[in-house]
PDB file of N, CA and C in Angstrom:
ATOM      1  N   MET A   1       0.848  -1.179   0.000  1.00  0.00           N
ATOM      2  CA  MET A   1       0.000   0.000   0.000  1.00  0.00           C
ATOM      3  C   MET A   1       0.894   1.241   0.000  1.00  0.00           C
ATOM      4  N   ILE A   2       0.505   2.225  -0.755  1.00  0.00           N
ATOM      5  CA  ILE A   2       1.217   3.500  -0.768  1.00  0.00           C
ATOM      6  C   ILE A   2       0.572   4.413   0.277  1.00  0.00           C
ATOM      7  N   SER A   3       1.406   4.954   1.149  1.00  0.00           N
ATOM      8  CA  SER A   3       0.947   5.868   2.189  1.00  0.00           C
ATOM      9  C   SER A   3       1.450   7.272   1.879  1.00  0.00           C
ATOM     10  N   PHE A   4       0.590   8.244   2.086  1.00  0.00           N
ATOM     11  CA  PHE A   4       0.958   9.637   1.861  1.00  0.00           C
ATOM     12  C   PHE A   4       1.138  10.397   3.174  1.00  0.00           C
ATOM     13  N   ASP A   5       1.388   9.680   4.262  1.00  0.00           N
ATOM     14  CA  ASP A   5       1.591  10.323   5.566  1.00  0.00           C
ATOM     15  C   ASP A   5       2.758  11.305   5.531  1.00  0.00           C
ATOM     16  N   ARG A   6       3.775  10.992   4.762  1.00  0.00           N
ATOM     17  CA  ARG A   6       4.937  11.888   4.671  1.00  0.00           C
ATOM     18  C   ARG A   6       4.575  13.224   4.024  1.00  0.00           C
ATOM     19  N   LEU A   7       3.568  13.227   3.176  1.00  0.00           N
ATOM     20  CA  LEU A   7       3.152  14.454   2.503  1.00  0.00           C
ATOM     21  C   LEU A   7       2.781  15.523   3.518  1.00  0.00           C
ATOM     22  N   TRP A   8       1.984  15.153   4.498  1.00  0.00           N
ATOM     23  CA  TRP A   8       1.485  16.133   5.471  1.00  0.00           C
ATOM     24  C   TRP A   8       2.631  16.705   6.308  1.00  0.00           C
ATOM     25  N   LYS A   9       3.603  15.874   6.634  1.00  0.00           N
ATOM     26  CA  LYS A   9       4.773  16.341   7.391  1.00  0.00           C
ATOM     27  C   LYS A   9       5.597  17.301   6.531  1.00  0.00           C
ATOM     28  N   THR A  10       5.805  16.945   5.269  1.00  0.00           N
ATOM     29  CA  THR A  10       6.579  17.794   4.366  1.00  0.00           C
ATOM     30  C   THR A  10       5.866  19.126   4.141  1.00  0.00           C
ATOM     31  N   MET A  11       4.552  19.083   3.987  1.00  0.00           N
ATOM     32  CA  MET A  11       3.790  20.321   3.825  1.00  0.00           C
ATOM     33  C   MET A  11       3.969  21.220   5.041  1.00  0.00           C
ATOM     34  N   GLN A  12       3.908  20.640   6.224  1.00  0.00           N
ATOM     35  CA  GLN A  12       4.072  21.418   7.452  1.00  0.00           C
ATOM     36  C   GLN A  12       5.471  22.038   7.507  1.00  0.00           C
ATOM     37  N   GLU A  13       6.479  21.240   7.173  1.00  0.00           N
ATOM     38  CA  GLU A  13       7.855  21.739   7.190  1.00  0.00           C
ATOM     39  C   GLU A  13       8.062  22.882   6.197  1.00  0.00           C
ATOM     40  N   LYS A  14       7.366  22.827   5.066  1.00  0.00           N
ATOM     41  CA  LYS A  14       7.510  23.841   4.016  1.00  0.00           C
ATOM     42  C   LYS A  14       6.546  25.008   4.198  1.00  0.00           C
ATOM     43  N   GLY A  15       5.653  24.910   5.187  1.00  0.00           N
ATOM     44  CA  GLY A  15       4.706  25.993   5.447  1.00  0.00           C
ATOM     45  C   GLY A  15       3.625  26.127   4.387  1.00  0.00           C
ATOM     46  N   ILE A  16       3.216  25.004   3.812  1.00  0.00           N
ATOM     47  CA  ILE A  16       2.176  25.026   2.779  1.00  0.00           C
ATOM     48  C   ILE A  16       0.959  24.258   3.282  1.00  0.00           C
ATOM     49  N   SER A  17      -0.155  24.943   3.364  1.00  0.00           N
ATOM     50  CA  SER A  17      -1.388  24.335   3.860  1.00  0.00           C
ATOM     51  C   SER A  17      -2.190  23.709   2.731  1.00  0.00           C
ATOM     52  N   GLN A  18      -3.180  22.917   3.106  1.00  0.00           N
ATOM     53  CA  GLN A  18      -4.085  22.352   2.111  1.00  0.00           C
ATOM     54  C   GLN A  18      -4.838  23.477   1.403  1.00  0.00           C
ATOM     55  N   TYR A  19      -5.199  24.499   2.137  1.00  0.00           N
ATOM     56  CA  TYR A  19      -5.886  25.652   1.552  1.00  0.00           C
ATOM     57  C   TYR A  19      -5.025  26.294   0.465  1.00  0.00           C
ATOM     58  N   LYS A  20      -3.741  26.474   0.764  1.00  0.00           N
ATOM     59  CA  LYS A  20      -2.824  27.078  -0.201  1.00  0.00           C
ATOM     60  C   LYS A  20      -2.670  26.196  -1.444  1.00  0.00           C
ATOM     61  N   LEU A  21      -2.636  24.875  -1.235  1.00  0.00           N
ATOM     62  CA  LEU A  21      -2.545  23.962  -2.379  1.00  0.00           C
ATOM     63  C   LEU A  21      -3.729  24.140  -3.325  1.00  0.00           C
ATOM     64  N   THR A  22      -4.920  24.284  -2.748  1.00  0.00           N
ATOM     65  CA  THR A  22      -6.106  24.413  -3.594  1.00  0.00           C
ATOM     66  C   THR A  22      -6.218  25.801  -4.218  1.00  0.00           C
ATOM     67  N   LYS A  23      -6.002  26.834  -3.440  1.00  0.00           N
ATOM     68  CA  LYS A  23      -6.229  28.202  -3.922  1.00  0.00           C
ATOM     69  C   LYS A  23      -5.095  28.745  -4.781  1.00  0.00           C
ATOM     70  N   GLU A  24      -3.857  28.453  -4.416  1.00  0.00           N
ATOM     71  CA  GLU A  24      -2.731  29.037  -5.151  1.00  0.00           C
ATOM     72  C   GLU A  24      -2.139  28.110  -6.205  1.00  0.00           C
ATOM     73  N   TYR A  25      -2.272  26.799  -5.995  1.00  0.00           N
ATOM     74  CA  TYR A  25      -1.620  25.861  -6.903  1.00  0.00           C
ATOM     75  C   TYR A  25      -2.592  24.992  -7.703  1.00  0.00           C
ATOM     76  N   GLY A  26      -3.885  25.127  -7.445  1.00  0.00           N
ATOM     77  CA  GLY A  26      -4.883  24.434  -8.250  1.00  0.00           C
ATOM     78  C   GLY A  26      -5.036  22.945  -7.997  1.00  0.00           C
ATOM     79  N   VAL A  27      -4.579  22.476  -6.849  1.00  0.00           N
ATOM     80  CA  VAL A  27      -4.792  21.072  -6.500  1.00  0.00           C
ATOM     81  C   VAL A  27      -6.245  20.938  -6.051  1.00  0.00           C
ATOM     82  N   SER A  28      -6.965  19.994  -6.607  1.00  0.00           N
ATOM     83  CA  SER A  28      -8.389  19.883  -6.298  1.00  0.00           C
ATOM     84  C   SER A  28      -8.625  19.281  -4.914  1.00  0.00           C
ATOM     85  N   ASN A  29      -9.776  19.606  -4.362  1.00  0.00           N
ATOM     86  CA  ASN A  29     -10.170  19.018  -3.077  1.00  0.00           C
ATOM     87  C   ASN A  29     -10.305  17.507  -3.194  1.00  0.00           C
ATOM     88  N   GLY A  30     -10.735  17.036  -4.352  1.00  0.00           N
ATOM     89  CA  GLY A  30     -10.859  15.598  -4.592  1.00  0.00           C
ATOM     90  C   GLY A  30      -9.516  14.900  -4.504  1.00  0.00           C
ATOM     91  N   GLN A  31      -8.490  15.525  -5.096  1.00  0.00           N
ATOM     92  CA  GLN A  31      -7.145  14.950  -5.018  1.00  0.00           C
ATOM     93  C   GLN A  31      -6.670  14.907  -3.570  1.00  0.00           C
ATOM     94  N   LEU A  32      -6.884  15.976  -2.838  1.00  0.00           N
ATOM     95  CA  LEU A  32      -6.475  16.009  -1.424  1.00  0.00           C
ATOM     96  C   LEU A  32      -7.215  14.947  -0.621  1.00  0.00           C
ATOM     97  N   ASP A  33      -8.487  14.755  -0.924  1.00  0.00           N
ATOM     98  CA  ASP A  33      -9.266  13.732  -0.230  1.00  0.00           C
ATOM     99  C   ASP A  33      -8.700  12.340  -0.505  1.00  0.00           C
ATOM    100  N   ARG A  34      -8.347  12.073  -1.752  1.00  0.00           N
ATOM    101  CA  ARG A  34      -7.751  10.770  -2.093  1.00  0.00           C
ATOM    102  C   ARG A  34      -6.404  10.590  -1.398  1.00  0.00           C
ATOM    103  N   LEU A  35      -5.625  11.655  -1.312  1.00  0.00           N
ATOM    104  CA  LEU A  35      -4.335  11.584  -0.622  1.00  0.00           C
ATOM    105  C   LEU A  35      -4.540  11.299   0.867  1.00  0.00           C
ATOM    106  N   ARG A  36      -5.526  11.959   1.469  1.00  0.00           N
ATOM    107  CA  ARG A  36      -5.811  11.723   2.897  1.00  0.00           C
ATOM    108  C   ARG A  36      -6.207  10.278   3.151  1.00  0.00           C
ATOM    109  N   LYS A  37      -6.911   9.684   2.190  1.00  0.00           N
ATOM    110  CA  LYS A  37      -7.398   8.305   2.340  1.00  0.00           C
ATOM    111  C   LYS A  37      -6.420   7.274   1.776  1.00  0.00           C
ATOM    112  N   ASN A  38      -5.234   7.733   1.352  1.00  0.00           N
ATOM    113  CA  ASN A  38      -4.230   6.847   0.744  1.00  0.00           C
ATOM    114  C   ASN A  38      -4.801   6.083  -0.450  1.00  0.00           C
ATOM    115  N   GLU A  39      -5.608   6.768  -1.246  1.00  0.00           N
ATOM    116  CA  GLU A  39      -6.190   6.173  -2.434  1.00  0.00           C
ATOM    117  C   GLU A  39      -5.361   6.540  -3.663  1.00  0.00           C
ATOM    118  N   HIS A  40      -5.795   6.050  -4.816  1.00  0.00           N
ATOM    119  CA  HIS A  40      -5.085   6.274  -6.079  1.00  0.00           C
ATOM    120  C   HIS A  40      -5.025   7.755  -6.438  1.00  0.00           C
ATOM    121  N   VAL A  41      -3.826   8.203  -6.776  1.00  0.00           N
ATOM    122  CA  VAL A  41      -3.638   9.529  -7.373  1.00  0.00           C
ATOM    123  C   VAL A  41      -2.704   9.358  -8.561  1.00  0.00           C
ATOM    124  N   SER A  42      -2.797  10.244  -9.511  1.00  0.00           N
ATOM    125  CA  SER A  42      -2.004  10.125 -10.728  1.00  0.00           C
ATOM    126  C   SER A  42      -0.555  10.543 -10.492  1.00  0.00           C
ATOM    127  N   THR A  43       0.300  10.065 -11.379  1.00  0.00           N
ATOM    128  CA  THR A  43       1.700  10.482 -11.310  1.00  0.00           C
ATOM    129  C   THR A  43       1.812  11.976 -11.631  1.00  0.00           C
ATOM    130  N   TYR A  44       0.886  12.498 -12.403  1.00  0.00           N
ATOM    131  CA  TYR A  44       0.858  13.942 -12.673  1.00  0.00           C
ATOM    132  C   TYR A  44       0.701  14.711 -11.361  1.00  0.00           C
ATOM    133  N   THR A  45      -0.219  14.256 -10.512  1.00  0.00           N
ATOM    134  CA  THR A  45      -0.449  14.919  -9.225  1.00  0.00           C
ATOM    135  C   THR A  45       0.777  14.791  -8.328  1.00  0.00           C
ATOM    136  N   LEU A  46       1.375  13.606  -8.293  1.00  0.00           N
ATOM    137  CA  LEU A  46       2.571  13.409  -7.469  1.00  0.00           C
ATOM    138  C   LEU A  46       3.704  14.320  -7.943  1.00  0.00           C
ATOM    139  N   ASN A  47       3.874  14.414  -9.252  1.00  0.00           N
ATOM    140  CA  ASN A  47       4.899  15.294  -9.801  1.00  0.00           C
ATOM    141  C   ASN A  47       4.627  16.748  -9.431  1.00  0.00           C
ATOM    142  N   LYS A  48       3.368  17.146  -9.570  1.00  0.00           N
ATOM    143  CA  LYS A  48       2.978  18.521  -9.242  1.00  0.00           C
ATOM    144  C   LYS A  48       3.282  18.841  -7.783  1.00  0.00           C
ATOM    145  N   LEU A  49       2.990  17.911  -6.888  1.00  0.00           N
ATOM    146  CA  LEU A  49       3.270  18.125  -5.466  1.00  0.00           C
ATOM    147  C   LEU A  49       4.773  18.232  -5.205  1.00  0.00           C
ATOM    148  N   CYS A  50       5.557  17.404  -5.889  1.00  0.00           N
ATOM    149  CA  CYS A  50       7.018  17.476  -5.731  1.00  0.00           C
ATOM    150  C   CYS A  50       7.548  18.832  -6.190  1.00  0.00           C
ATOM    151  N   VAL A  51       7.008  19.358  -7.285  1.00  0.00           N
ATOM    152  CA  VAL A  51       7.428  20.665  -7.782  1.00  0.00           C
ATOM    153  C   VAL A  51       7.021  21.756  -6.790  1.00  0.00           C
ATOM    154  N   ILE A  52       5.784  21.723  -6.343  1.00  0.00           N
ATOM    155  CA  ILE A  52       5.275  22.731  -5.409  1.00  0.00           C
ATOM    156  C   ILE A  52       6.092  22.735  -4.122  1.00  0.00           C
ATOM    157  N   LEU A  53       6.356  21.540  -3.591  1.00  0.00           N
ATOM    158  CA  LEU A  53       7.040  21.421  -2.305  1.00  0.00           C
ATOM    159  C   LEU A  53       8.561  21.383  -2.446  1.00  0.00           C
ATOM    160  N   ASP A  54       9.046  21.392  -3.687  1.00  0.00           N
ATOM    161  CA  ASP A  54      10.485  21.323  -3.954  1.00  0.00           C
ATOM    162  C   ASP A  54      11.109  20.160  -3.178  1.00  0.00           C
ATOM    163  N   CYS A  55      10.587  18.960  -3.453  1.00  0.00           N
ATOM    164  CA  CYS A  55      11.032  17.775  -2.733  1.00  0.00           C
ATOM    165  C   CYS A  55      11.018  16.566  -3.663  1.00  0.00           C
ATOM    166  N   GLY A  56      11.453  15.438  -3.153  1.00  0.00           N
ATOM    167  CA  GLY A  56      11.426  14.199  -3.905  1.00  0.00           C
ATOM    168  C   GLY A  56      10.198  13.379  -3.558  1.00  0.00           C
ATOM    169  N   LEU A  57       9.925  12.390  -4.386  1.00  0.00           N
ATOM    170  CA  LEU A  57       8.770  11.517  -4.160  1.00  0.00           C
ATOM    171  C   LEU A  57       8.826  10.856  -2.783  1.00  0.00           C
ATOM    172  N   GLU A  58      10.026  10.519  -2.337  1.00  0.00           N
ATOM    173  CA  GLU A  58      10.182   9.872  -1.027  1.00  0.00           C
ATOM    174  C   GLU A  58       9.788  10.788   0.134  1.00  0.00           C
ATOM    175  N   ASP A  59       9.652  12.089  -0.139  1.00  0.00           N
ATOM    176  CA  ASP A  59       9.229  13.038   0.888  1.00  0.00           C
ATOM    177  C   ASP A  59       7.714  13.144   1.012  1.00  0.00           C
ATOM    178  N   ILE A  60       6.996  12.535   0.059  1.00  0.00           N
ATOM    179  CA  ILE A  60       5.525  12.621   0.114  1.00  0.00           C
ATOM    180  C   ILE A  60       4.832  11.272   0.114  1.00  0.00           C
ATOM    181  N   ALA A  61       5.543  10.221  -0.257  1.00  0.00           N
ATOM    182  CA  ALA A  61       4.908   8.899  -0.337  1.00  0.00           C
ATOM    183  C   ALA A  61       5.889   7.818   0.081  1.00  0.00           C
ATOM    184  N   GLU A  62       5.326   6.731   0.580  1.00  0.00           N
ATOM    185  CA  GLU A  62       6.159   5.562   0.885  1.00  0.00           C
ATOM    186  C   GLU A  62       5.332   4.301   0.728  1.00  0.00           C
ATOM    187  N   TYR A  63       6.017   3.235   0.349  1.00  0.00           N
ATOM    188  CA  TYR A  63       5.380   1.931   0.209  1.00  0.00           C
ATOM    189  C   TYR A  63       5.379   1.255   1.570  1.00  0.00           C
ATOM    190  N   GLN A  64       4.225   0.782   1.983  1.00  0.00           N
ATOM    191  CA  GLN A  64       4.104   0.026   3.228  1.00  0.00           C
ATOM    192  C   GLN A  64       3.584  -1.351   2.884  1.00  0.00           C
ATOM    193  N   LYS A  65       4.356  -2.348   3.216  1.00  0.00           N
ATOM    194  CA  LYS A  65       3.977  -3.729   2.930  1.00  0.00           C
ATOM    195  C   LYS A  65       2.751  -4.093   3.760  1.00  0.00           C
ATOM    196  N   GLU A  66       1.767  -4.675   3.079  1.00  0.00           N
ATOM    197  CA  GLU A  66       0.554  -5.112   3.785  1.00  0.00           C
ATOM    198  C   GLU A  66       0.799  -6.509   4.361  1.00  0.00           C
ATOM    199  N   ASP A  67       0.277  -6.715   5.538  1.00  0.00           N
ATOM    200  CA  ASP A  67       0.431  -8.023   6.191  1.00  0.00           C
ATOM    201  C   ASP A  67      -0.499  -9.051   5.641  1.00  0.00           C
TER     202      ASP A  67
END
């Protein structure tokens, strides 16, 4: 399973809120909802978040082995 828990920590460290993502960068509320629920998001969205946050994919997502 892919977890996006690191995304929220990276956003906090960079001082970027969910509100700012939607209003200034055009990330949809639907995308944020899917990220919160660790659901499917496109590589386009992941790339966009990496650009916005000036970080690598490992700073926003991680693979967690399911038991």
